């Protein structure tokens, strides 16, 4: 039996600006045309934002998020698809 590894994955993620004063822009470049889950967690592990990006092409996706209601601190971004990326950001 031959097992093939799926090499399609998220290639690049940018979060601007970092640190942020409220408005955050996520740019995700992927080789996949499947959905991507984007979540933001506070320092205590509580999810403060979640969205599913419904991808229909292999182009990059940009998500704008107004996080001005959040307290200053360090937050973690979790991006899930076939592979998983966790990125710290600061507000």
PDB file of N, CA and C in Angstrom:
ATOM      1  N   UNK A   1       0.846  -1.162   0.000  1.00  0.00           N
ATOM      2  CA  UNK A   1       0.000   0.000   0.000  1.00  0.00           C
ATOM      3  C   UNK A   1       0.901   1.238   0.000  1.00  0.00           C
ATOM      4  N   UNK A   2       0.595   2.178  -0.868  1.00  0.00           N
ATOM      5  CA  UNK A   2       1.349   3.413  -0.950  1.00  0.00           C
ATOM      6  C   UNK A   2       0.550   4.539  -0.300  1.00  0.00           C
ATOM      7  N   UNK A   3       1.182   5.255   0.605  1.00  0.00           N
ATOM      8  CA  UNK A   3       0.522   6.370   1.275  1.00  0.00           C
ATOM      9  C   UNK A   3       1.062   7.659   0.679  1.00  0.00           C
ATOM     10  N   UNK A   4       0.145   8.511   0.202  1.00  0.00           N
ATOM     11  CA  UNK A   4       0.547   9.786  -0.367  1.00  0.00           C
ATOM     12  C   UNK A   4       0.274  10.899   0.633  1.00  0.00           C
ATOM     13  N   UNK A   5       1.242  11.749   0.796  1.00  0.00           N
ATOM     14  CA  UNK A   5       1.090  12.877   1.708  1.00  0.00           C
ATOM     15  C   UNK A   5       0.538  14.069   0.928  1.00  0.00           C
ATOM     16  N   UNK A   6      -0.471  14.727   1.479  1.00  0.00           N
ATOM     17  CA  UNK A   6      -1.047  15.909   0.853  1.00  0.00           C
ATOM     18  C   UNK A   6      -0.147  17.102   1.161  1.00  0.00           C
ATOM     19  N   UNK A   7       0.530  17.620   0.156  1.00  0.00           N
ATOM     20  CA  UNK A   7       1.460  18.723   0.344  1.00  0.00           C
ATOM     21  C   UNK A   7       0.789  20.085   0.225  1.00  0.00           C
ATOM     22  N   UNK A   8      -0.498  20.115  -0.081  1.00  0.00           N
ATOM     23  CA  UNK A   8      -1.185  21.390  -0.188  1.00  0.00           C
ATOM     24  C   UNK A   8      -1.391  21.953   1.213  1.00  0.00           C
ATOM     25  N   UNK A   9      -1.028  23.221   1.380  1.00  0.00           N
ATOM     26  CA  UNK A   9      -1.143  23.810   2.704  1.00  0.00           C
ATOM     27  C   UNK A   9      -1.112  25.325   2.619  1.00  0.00           C
ATOM     28  N   UNK A  10      -1.294  25.944   3.774  1.00  0.00           N
ATOM     29  CA  UNK A  10      -1.177  27.386   3.867  1.00  0.00           C
ATOM     30  C   UNK A  10       0.292  27.743   3.688  1.00  0.00           C
ATOM     31  N   UNK A  11       0.557  28.664   2.784  1.00  0.00           N
ATOM     32  CA  UNK A  11       1.939  29.022   2.471  1.00  0.00           C
ATOM     33  C   UNK A  11       2.425  30.262   3.200  1.00  0.00           C
ATOM     34  N   UNK A  12       1.555  31.261   3.361  1.00  0.00           N
ATOM     35  CA  UNK A  12       2.000  32.505   3.963  1.00  0.00           C
ATOM     36  C   UNK A  12       0.836  33.178   4.673  1.00  0.00           C
ATOM     37  N   UNK A  13       1.124  33.730   5.848  1.00  0.00           N
ATOM     38  CA  UNK A  13       0.137  34.473   6.618  1.00  0.00           C
ATOM     39  C   UNK A  13       0.777  35.786   7.028  1.00  0.00           C
ATOM     40  N   UNK A  14       0.063  36.883   6.793  1.00  0.00           N
ATOM     41  CA  UNK A  14       0.538  38.163   7.314  1.00  0.00           C
ATOM     42  C   UNK A  14      -0.572  38.793   8.140  1.00  0.00           C
ATOM     43  N   UNK A  15      -0.171  39.415   9.230  1.00  0.00           N
ATOM     44  CA  UNK A  15      -1.098  40.093  10.137  1.00  0.00           C
ATOM     45  C   UNK A  15      -0.559  41.503  10.317  1.00  0.00           C
ATOM     46  N   UNK A  16      -1.340  42.460   9.850  1.00  0.00           N
ATOM     47  CA  UNK A  16      -0.878  43.843   9.864  1.00  0.00           C
ATOM     48  C   UNK A  16      -1.912  44.757  10.476  1.00  0.00           C
ATOM     49  N   UNK A  17      -1.543  45.774  11.190  1.00  0.00           N
ATOM     50  CA  UNK A  17      -0.224  45.922  11.804  1.00  0.00           C
ATOM     51  C   UNK A  17      -0.111  45.040  13.031  1.00  0.00           C
ATOM     52  N   UNK A  18       1.088  44.782  13.447  1.00  0.00           N
ATOM     53  CA  UNK A  18       1.337  43.988  14.637  1.00  0.00           C
ATOM     54  C   UNK A  18       2.521  44.597  15.368  1.00  0.00           C
ATOM     55  N   UNK A  19       2.321  45.295  16.474  1.00  0.00           N
ATOM     56  CA  UNK A  19       1.083  45.396  17.256  1.00  0.00           C
ATOM     57  C   UNK A  19       0.055  46.294  16.580  1.00  0.00           C
ATOM     58  N   UNK A  20      -1.179  46.146  17.022  1.00  0.00           N
ATOM     59  CA  UNK A  20      -2.304  46.863  16.432  1.00  0.00           C
ATOM     60  C   UNK A  20      -2.964  47.775  17.454  1.00  0.00           C
ATOM     61  N   UNK A  21      -3.614  48.820  16.961  1.00  0.00           N
ATOM     62  CA  UNK A  21      -4.398  49.702  17.823  1.00  0.00           C
ATOM     63  C   UNK A  21      -5.890  49.484  17.598  1.00  0.00           C
ATOM     64  N   UNK A  22      -6.251  48.430  16.901  1.00  0.00           N
ATOM     65  CA  UNK A  22      -7.670  48.140  16.731  1.00  0.00           C
ATOM     66  C   UNK A  22      -8.009  47.399  15.464  1.00  0.00           C
ATOM     67  N   UNK A  23      -7.687  47.975  14.309  1.00  0.00           N
ATOM     68  CA  UNK A  23      -8.021  47.308  13.051  1.00  0.00           C
ATOM     69  C   UNK A  23      -6.885  46.395  12.628  1.00  0.00           C
ATOM     70  N   UNK A  24      -7.227  45.148  12.343  1.00  0.00           N
ATOM     71  CA  UNK A  24      -6.242  44.135  11.976  1.00  0.00           C
ATOM     72  C   UNK A  24      -6.613  43.575  10.616  1.00  0.00           C
ATOM     73  N   UNK A  25      -5.595  43.365   9.795  1.00  0.00           N
ATOM     74  CA  UNK A  25      -5.816  42.764   8.488  1.00  0.00           C
ATOM     75  C   UNK A  25      -5.047  41.448   8.420  1.00  0.00           C
ATOM     76  N   UNK A  26      -5.774  40.370   8.162  1.00  0.00           N
ATOM     77  CA  UNK A  26      -5.174  39.049   7.988  1.00  0.00           C
ATOM     78  C   UNK A  26      -5.115  38.762   6.494  1.00  0.00           C
ATOM     79  N   UNK A  27      -3.966  38.346   6.007  1.00  0.00           N
ATOM     80  CA  UNK A  27      -3.836  37.931   4.616  1.00  0.00           C
ATOM     81  C   UNK A  27      -3.305  36.509   4.616  1.00  0.00           C
ATOM     82  N   UNK A  28      -4.056  35.614   4.000  1.00  0.00           N
ATOM     83  CA  UNK A  28      -3.710  34.191   4.009  1.00  0.00           C
ATOM     84  C   UNK A  28      -3.518  33.722   2.572  1.00  0.00           C
ATOM     85  N   UNK A  29      -2.340  33.195   2.297  1.00  0.00           N
ATOM     86  CA  UNK A  29      -2.059  32.618   0.988  1.00  0.00           C
ATOM     87  C   UNK A  29      -1.992  31.106   1.141  1.00  0.00           C
ATOM     88  N   UNK A  30      -2.728  30.426   0.294  1.00  0.00           N
ATOM     89  CA  UNK A  30      -2.851  28.984   0.439  1.00  0.00           C
ATOM     90  C   UNK A  30      -2.856  28.315  -0.919  1.00  0.00           C
ATOM     91  N   UNK A  31      -2.447  27.063  -0.941  1.00  0.00           N
ATOM     92  CA  UNK A  31      -2.525  26.254  -2.154  1.00  0.00           C
ATOM     93  C   UNK A  31      -3.849  25.499  -2.227  1.00  0.00           C
ATOM     94  N   UNK A  32      -4.665  25.641  -1.199  1.00  0.00           N
ATOM     95  CA  UNK A  32      -5.906  24.878  -1.117  1.00  0.00           C
ATOM     96  C   UNK A  32      -7.080  25.719  -1.576  1.00  0.00           C
ATOM     97  N   UNK A  33      -8.124  25.041  -1.994  1.00  0.00           N
ATOM     98  CA  UNK A  33      -9.364  25.738  -2.277  1.00  0.00           C
ATOM     99  C   UNK A  33     -10.446  25.297  -1.295  1.00  0.00           C
ATOM    100  N   UNK A  34     -10.016  24.788  -0.147  1.00  0.00           N
ATOM    101  CA  UNK A  34     -10.954  24.375   0.902  1.00  0.00           C
ATOM    102  C   UNK A  34     -11.084  25.471   1.948  1.00  0.00           C
ATOM    103  N   UNK A  35     -12.061  25.340   2.819  1.00  0.00           N
ATOM    104  CA  UNK A  35     -12.311  26.348   3.850  1.00  0.00           C
ATOM    105  C   UNK A  35     -11.165  26.414   4.849  1.00  0.00           C
ATOM    106  N   UNK A  36     -10.985  27.614   5.422  1.00  0.00           N
ATOM    107  CA  UNK A  36      -9.957  27.854   6.423  1.00  0.00           C
ATOM    108  C   UNK A  36     -10.646  28.472   7.636  1.00  0.00           C
ATOM    109  N   UNK A  37     -10.327  27.975   8.824  1.00  0.00           N
ATOM    110  CA  UNK A  37     -10.880  28.506  10.064  1.00  0.00           C
ATOM    111  C   UNK A  37      -9.861  29.450  10.686  1.00  0.00           C
ATOM    112  N   UNK A  38     -10.304  30.680  10.987  1.00  0.00           N
ATOM    113  CA  UNK A  38      -9.460  31.686  11.623  1.00  0.00           C
ATOM    114  C   UNK A  38     -10.049  31.990  12.988  1.00  0.00           C
ATOM    115  N   UNK A  39      -9.240  31.820  14.048  1.00  0.00           N
ATOM    116  CA  UNK A  39      -9.689  32.084  15.412  1.00  0.00           C
ATOM    117  C   UNK A  39      -8.651  32.945  16.122  1.00  0.00           C
ATOM    118  N   UNK A  40      -9.130  33.809  17.020  1.00  0.00           N
ATOM    119  CA  UNK A  40      -8.247  34.627  17.844  1.00  0.00           C
ATOM    120  C   UNK A  40      -8.589  34.330  19.304  1.00  0.00           C
ATOM    121  N   UNK A  41      -7.541  34.086  20.111  1.00  0.00           N
ATOM    122  CA  UNK A  41      -7.690  33.762  21.528  1.00  0.00           C
ATOM    123  C   UNK A  41      -6.954  34.793  22.359  1.00  0.00           C
ATOM    124  N   UNK A  42      -7.496  35.099  23.535  1.00  0.00           N
ATOM    125  CA  UNK A  42      -6.781  35.988  24.445  1.00  0.00           C
ATOM    126  C   UNK A  42      -5.738  35.195  25.225  1.00  0.00           C
ATOM    127  N   UNK A  43      -5.010  35.883  26.087  1.00  0.00           N
ATOM    128  CA  UNK A  43      -3.934  35.274  26.864  1.00  0.00           C
ATOM    129  C   UNK A  43      -4.421  34.121  27.741  1.00  0.00           C
ATOM    130  N   UNK A  44      -5.697  34.159  28.152  1.00  0.00           N
ATOM    131  CA  UNK A  44      -6.264  33.140  29.036  1.00  0.00           C
ATOM    132  C   UNK A  44      -6.856  31.961  28.277  1.00  0.00           C
ATOM    133  N   UNK A  45      -6.780  31.983  26.965  1.00  0.00           N
ATOM    134  CA  UNK A  45      -7.281  30.880  26.163  1.00  0.00           C
ATOM    135  C   UNK A  45      -8.733  31.008  25.763  1.00  0.00           C
ATOM    136  N   UNK A  46      -9.340  32.165  26.020  1.00  0.00           N
ATOM    137  CA  UNK A  46     -10.731  32.390  25.621  1.00  0.00           C
ATOM    138  C   UNK A  46     -10.781  32.867  24.174  1.00  0.00           C
ATOM    139  N   UNK A  47     -11.641  32.246  23.385  1.00  0.00           N
ATOM    140  CA  UNK A  47     -11.784  32.655  21.987  1.00  0.00           C
ATOM    141  C   UNK A  47     -12.539  33.982  21.934  1.00  0.00           C
ATOM    142  N   UNK A  48     -11.950  34.970  21.259  1.00  0.00           N
ATOM    143  CA  UNK A  48     -12.573  36.291  21.161  1.00  0.00           C
ATOM    144  C   UNK A  48     -13.040  36.597  19.744  1.00  0.00           C
ATOM    145  N   UNK A  49     -12.666  35.763  18.780  1.00  0.00           N
ATOM    146  CA  UNK A  49     -13.086  35.969  17.391  1.00  0.00           C
ATOM    147  C   UNK A  49     -12.950  34.654  16.642  1.00  0.00           C
ATOM    148  N   UNK A  50     -13.886  34.403  15.754  1.00  0.00           N
ATOM    149  CA  UNK A  50     -13.835  33.200  14.932  1.00  0.00           C
ATOM    150  C   UNK A  50     -14.566  33.458  13.629  1.00  0.00           C
ATOM    151  N   UNK A  51     -13.985  33.020  12.533  1.00  0.00           N
ATOM    152  CA  UNK A  51     -14.649  33.107  11.240  1.00  0.00           C
ATOM    153  C   UNK A  51     -14.153  31.979  10.346  1.00  0.00           C
ATOM    154  N   UNK A  52     -15.010  31.524   9.478  1.00  0.00           N
ATOM    155  CA  UNK A  52     -14.627  30.532   8.479  1.00  0.00           C
ATOM    156  C   UNK A  52     -14.505  31.232   7.144  1.00  0.00           C
ATOM    157  N   UNK A  53     -13.377  31.059   6.515  1.00  0.00           N
ATOM    158  CA  UNK A  53     -13.124  31.657   5.213  1.00  0.00           C
ATOM    159  C   UNK A  53     -13.473  30.604   4.171  1.00  0.00           C
ATOM    160  N   UNK A  54     -14.527  30.849   3.433  1.00  0.00           N
ATOM    161  CA  UNK A  54     -14.968  29.905   2.408  1.00  0.00           C
ATOM    162  C   UNK A  54     -14.199  30.193   1.127  1.00  0.00           C
ATOM    163  N   UNK A  55     -13.240  29.361   0.874  1.00  0.00           N
ATOM    164  CA  UNK A  55     -12.360  29.568  -0.277  1.00  0.00           C
ATOM    165  C   UNK A  55     -12.918  28.846  -1.499  1.00  0.00           C
ATOM    166  N   UNK A  56     -12.957  29.563  -2.602  1.00  0.00           N
ATOM    167  CA  UNK A  56     -13.404  28.960  -3.849  1.00  0.00           C
ATOM    168  C   UNK A  56     -12.299  28.998  -4.899  1.00  0.00           C
ATOM    169  N   UNK A  57     -11.164  29.579  -4.527  1.00  0.00           N
ATOM    170  CA  UNK A  57     -10.030  29.627  -5.444  1.00  0.00           C
ATOM    171  C   UNK A  57      -8.742  29.543  -4.628  1.00  0.00           C
ATOM    172  N   UNK A  58      -7.645  29.470  -5.321  1.00  0.00           N
ATOM    173  CA  UNK A  58      -6.356  29.360  -4.642  1.00  0.00           C
ATOM    174  C   UNK A  58      -5.678  30.724  -4.519  1.00  0.00           C
ATOM    175  N   UNK A  59      -6.451  31.784  -4.633  1.00  0.00           N
ATOM    176  CA  UNK A  59      -5.939  33.142  -4.462  1.00  0.00           C
ATOM    177  C   UNK A  59      -5.768  33.435  -2.976  1.00  0.00           C
ATOM    178  N   UNK A  60      -5.069  34.523  -2.668  1.00  0.00           N
ATOM    179  CA  UNK A  60      -4.939  34.919  -1.267  1.00  0.00           C
ATOM    180  C   UNK A  60      -6.247  35.544  -0.798  1.00  0.00           C
ATOM    181  N   UNK A  61      -6.497  35.415   0.488  1.00  0.00           N
ATOM    182  CA  UNK A  61      -7.710  35.965   1.106  1.00  0.00           C
ATOM    183  C   UNK A  61      -7.299  37.029   2.109  1.00  0.00           C
ATOM    184  N   UNK A  62      -8.060  38.117   2.150  1.00  0.00           N
ATOM    185  CA  UNK A  62      -7.817  39.181   3.118  1.00  0.00           C
ATOM    186  C   UNK A  62      -9.050  39.359   3.981  1.00  0.00           C
ATOM    187  N   UNK A  63      -8.853  39.353   5.290  1.00  0.00           N
ATOM    188  CA  UNK A  63      -9.935  39.534   6.260  1.00  0.00           C
ATOM    189  C   UNK A  63      -9.595  40.762   7.086  1.00  0.00           C
ATOM    190  N   UNK A  64     -10.517  41.707   7.166  1.00  0.00           N
ATOM    191  CA  UNK A  64     -10.361  42.892   7.995  1.00  0.00           C
ATOM    192  C   UNK A  64     -11.186  42.696   9.259  1.00  0.00           C
ATOM    193  N   UNK A  65     -10.575  42.976  10.401  1.00  0.00           N
ATOM    194  CA  UNK A  65     -11.242  42.766  11.681  1.00  0.00           C
ATOM    195  C   UNK A  65     -11.024  43.969  12.577  1.00  0.00           C
ATOM    196  N   UNK A  66     -12.099  44.489  13.144  1.00  0.00           N
ATOM    197  CA  UNK A  66     -12.016  45.600  14.082  1.00  0.00           C
ATOM    198  C   UNK A  66     -11.941  45.026  15.492  1.00  0.00           C
ATOM    199  N   UNK A  67     -10.762  45.111  16.091  1.00  0.00           N
ATOM    200  CA  UNK A  67     -10.530  44.552  17.417  1.00  0.00           C
ATOM    201  C   UNK A  67     -10.388  45.650  18.468  1.00  0.00           C
ATOM    202  N   UNK A  68     -10.898  46.839  18.173  1.00  0.00           N
ATOM    203  CA  UNK A  68     -10.721  47.976  19.086  1.00  0.00           C
ATOM    204  C   UNK A  68     -11.436  47.780  20.422  1.00  0.00           C
ATOM    205  N   UNK A  69     -12.389  46.869  20.489  1.00  0.00           N
ATOM    206  CA  UNK A  69     -13.116  46.614  21.735  1.00  0.00           C
ATOM    207  C   UNK A  69     -12.328  45.745  22.717  1.00  0.00           C
ATOM    208  N   UNK A  70     -11.222  45.174  22.271  1.00  0.00           N
ATOM    209  CA  UNK A  70     -10.433  44.286  23.126  1.00  0.00           C
ATOM    210  C   UNK A  70      -9.452  45.072  23.987  1.00  0.00           C
ATOM    211  N   UNK A  71      -9.140  44.511  25.152  1.00  0.00           N
ATOM    212  CA  UNK A  71      -8.141  45.109  26.032  1.00  0.00           C
ATOM    213  C   UNK A  71      -6.756  44.932  25.424  1.00  0.00           C
ATOM    214  N   UNK A  72      -5.835  45.815  25.814  1.00  0.00           N
ATOM    215  CA  UNK A  72      -4.457  45.667  25.366  1.00  0.00           C
ATOM    216  C   UNK A  72      -3.896  44.373  25.917  1.00  0.00           C
ATOM    217  N   UNK A  73      -3.070  43.712  25.130  1.00  0.00           N
ATOM    218  CA  UNK A  73      -2.453  42.474  25.574  1.00  0.00           C
ATOM    219  C   UNK A  73      -1.986  41.637  24.402  1.00  0.00           C
ATOM    220  N   UNK A  74      -1.584  40.426  24.696  1.00  0.00           N
ATOM    221  CA  UNK A  74      -1.126  39.488  23.684  1.00  0.00           C
ATOM    222  C   UNK A  74      -2.275  38.543  23.345  1.00  0.00           C
ATOM    223  N   UNK A  75      -2.501  38.343  22.073  1.00  0.00           N
ATOM    224  CA  UNK A  75      -3.540  37.442  21.577  1.00  0.00           C
ATOM    225  C   UNK A  75      -2.888  36.432  20.637  1.00  0.00           C
ATOM    226  N   UNK A  76      -3.540  35.310  20.461  1.00  0.00           N
ATOM    227  CA  UNK A  76      -3.007  34.255  19.613  1.00  0.00           C
ATOM    228  C   UNK A  76      -3.981  33.969  18.484  1.00  0.00           C
ATOM    229  N   UNK A  77      -3.440  33.862  17.287  1.00  0.00           N
ATOM    230  CA  UNK A  77      -4.236  33.560  16.104  1.00  0.00           C
ATOM    231  C   UNK A  77      -4.024  32.092  15.771  1.00  0.00           C
ATOM    232  N   UNK A  78      -5.126  31.406  15.534  1.00  0.00           N
ATOM    233  CA  UNK A  78      -5.067  29.994  15.151  1.00  0.00           C
ATOM    234  C   UNK A  78      -5.725  29.873  13.777  1.00  0.00           C
ATOM    235  N   UNK A  79      -4.989  29.329  12.840  1.00  0.00           N
ATOM    236  CA  UNK A  79      -5.494  29.136  11.489  1.00  0.00           C
ATOM    237  C   UNK A  79      -5.460  27.646  11.212  1.00  0.00           C
ATOM    238  N   UNK A  80      -6.626  27.090  10.900  1.00  0.00           N
ATOM    239  CA  UNK A  80      -6.716  25.649  10.696  1.00  0.00           C
ATOM    240  C   UNK A  80      -7.197  25.337   9.287  1.00  0.00           C
ATOM    241  N   UNK A  81      -6.556  24.366   8.705  1.00  0.00           N
ATOM    242  CA  UNK A  81      -6.964  23.782   7.436  1.00  0.00           C
ATOM    243  C   UNK A  81      -6.419  22.368   7.465  1.00  0.00           C
ATOM    244  N   UNK A  82      -5.678  21.964   6.468  1.00  0.00           N
ATOM    245  CA  UNK A  82      -5.028  20.653   6.530  1.00  0.00           C
ATOM    246  C   UNK A  82      -3.877  20.660   7.530  1.00  0.00           C
ATOM    247  N   UNK A  83      -3.249  21.813   7.669  1.00  0.00           N
ATOM    248  CA  UNK A  83      -2.219  21.980   8.695  1.00  0.00           C
ATOM    249  C   UNK A  83      -2.648  23.130   9.591  1.00  0.00           C
ATOM    250  N   UNK A  84      -1.935  23.370  10.661  1.00  0.00           N
ATOM    251  CA  UNK A  84      -2.352  24.350  11.645  1.00  0.00           C
ATOM    252  C   UNK A  84      -1.209  25.318  11.937  1.00  0.00           C
ATOM    253  N   UNK A  85      -1.563  26.590  12.061  1.00  0.00           N
ATOM    254  CA  UNK A  85      -0.576  27.620  12.356  1.00  0.00           C
ATOM    255  C   UNK A  85      -1.088  28.412  13.564  1.00  0.00           C
ATOM    256  N   UNK A  86      -0.221  28.693  14.519  1.00  0.00           N
ATOM    257  CA  UNK A  86      -0.577  29.530  15.651  1.00  0.00           C
ATOM    258  C   UNK A  86       0.430  30.679  15.704  1.00  0.00           C
ATOM    259  N   UNK A  87      -0.102  31.920  15.723  1.00  0.00           N
ATOM    260  CA  UNK A  87       0.732  33.108  15.644  1.00  0.00           C
ATOM    261  C   UNK A  87       0.357  34.065  16.767  1.00  0.00           C
ATOM    262  N   UNK A  88       1.309  34.534  17.583  1.00  0.00           N
ATOM    263  CA  UNK A  88       0.978  35.543  18.599  1.00  0.00           C
ATOM    264  C   UNK A  88       0.890  36.925  17.969  1.00  0.00           C
ATOM    265  N   UNK A  89      -0.088  37.719  18.385  1.00  0.00           N
ATOM    266  CA  UNK A  89      -0.182  39.117  17.969  1.00  0.00           C
ATOM    267  C   UNK A  89      -0.419  39.959  19.208  1.00  0.00           C
ATOM    268  N   UNK A  90      -0.112  41.234  19.122  1.00  0.00           N
ATOM    269  CA  UNK A  90      -0.245  42.109  20.284  1.00  0.00           C
ATOM    270  C   UNK A  90      -1.091  43.304  19.932  1.00  0.00           C
ATOM    271  N   UNK A  91      -2.025  43.682  20.853  1.00  0.00           N
ATOM    272  CA  UNK A  91      -2.857  44.857  20.697  1.00  0.00           C
ATOM    273  C   UNK A  91      -2.442  45.880  21.727  1.00  0.00           C
TER     274      UNK A  91
END
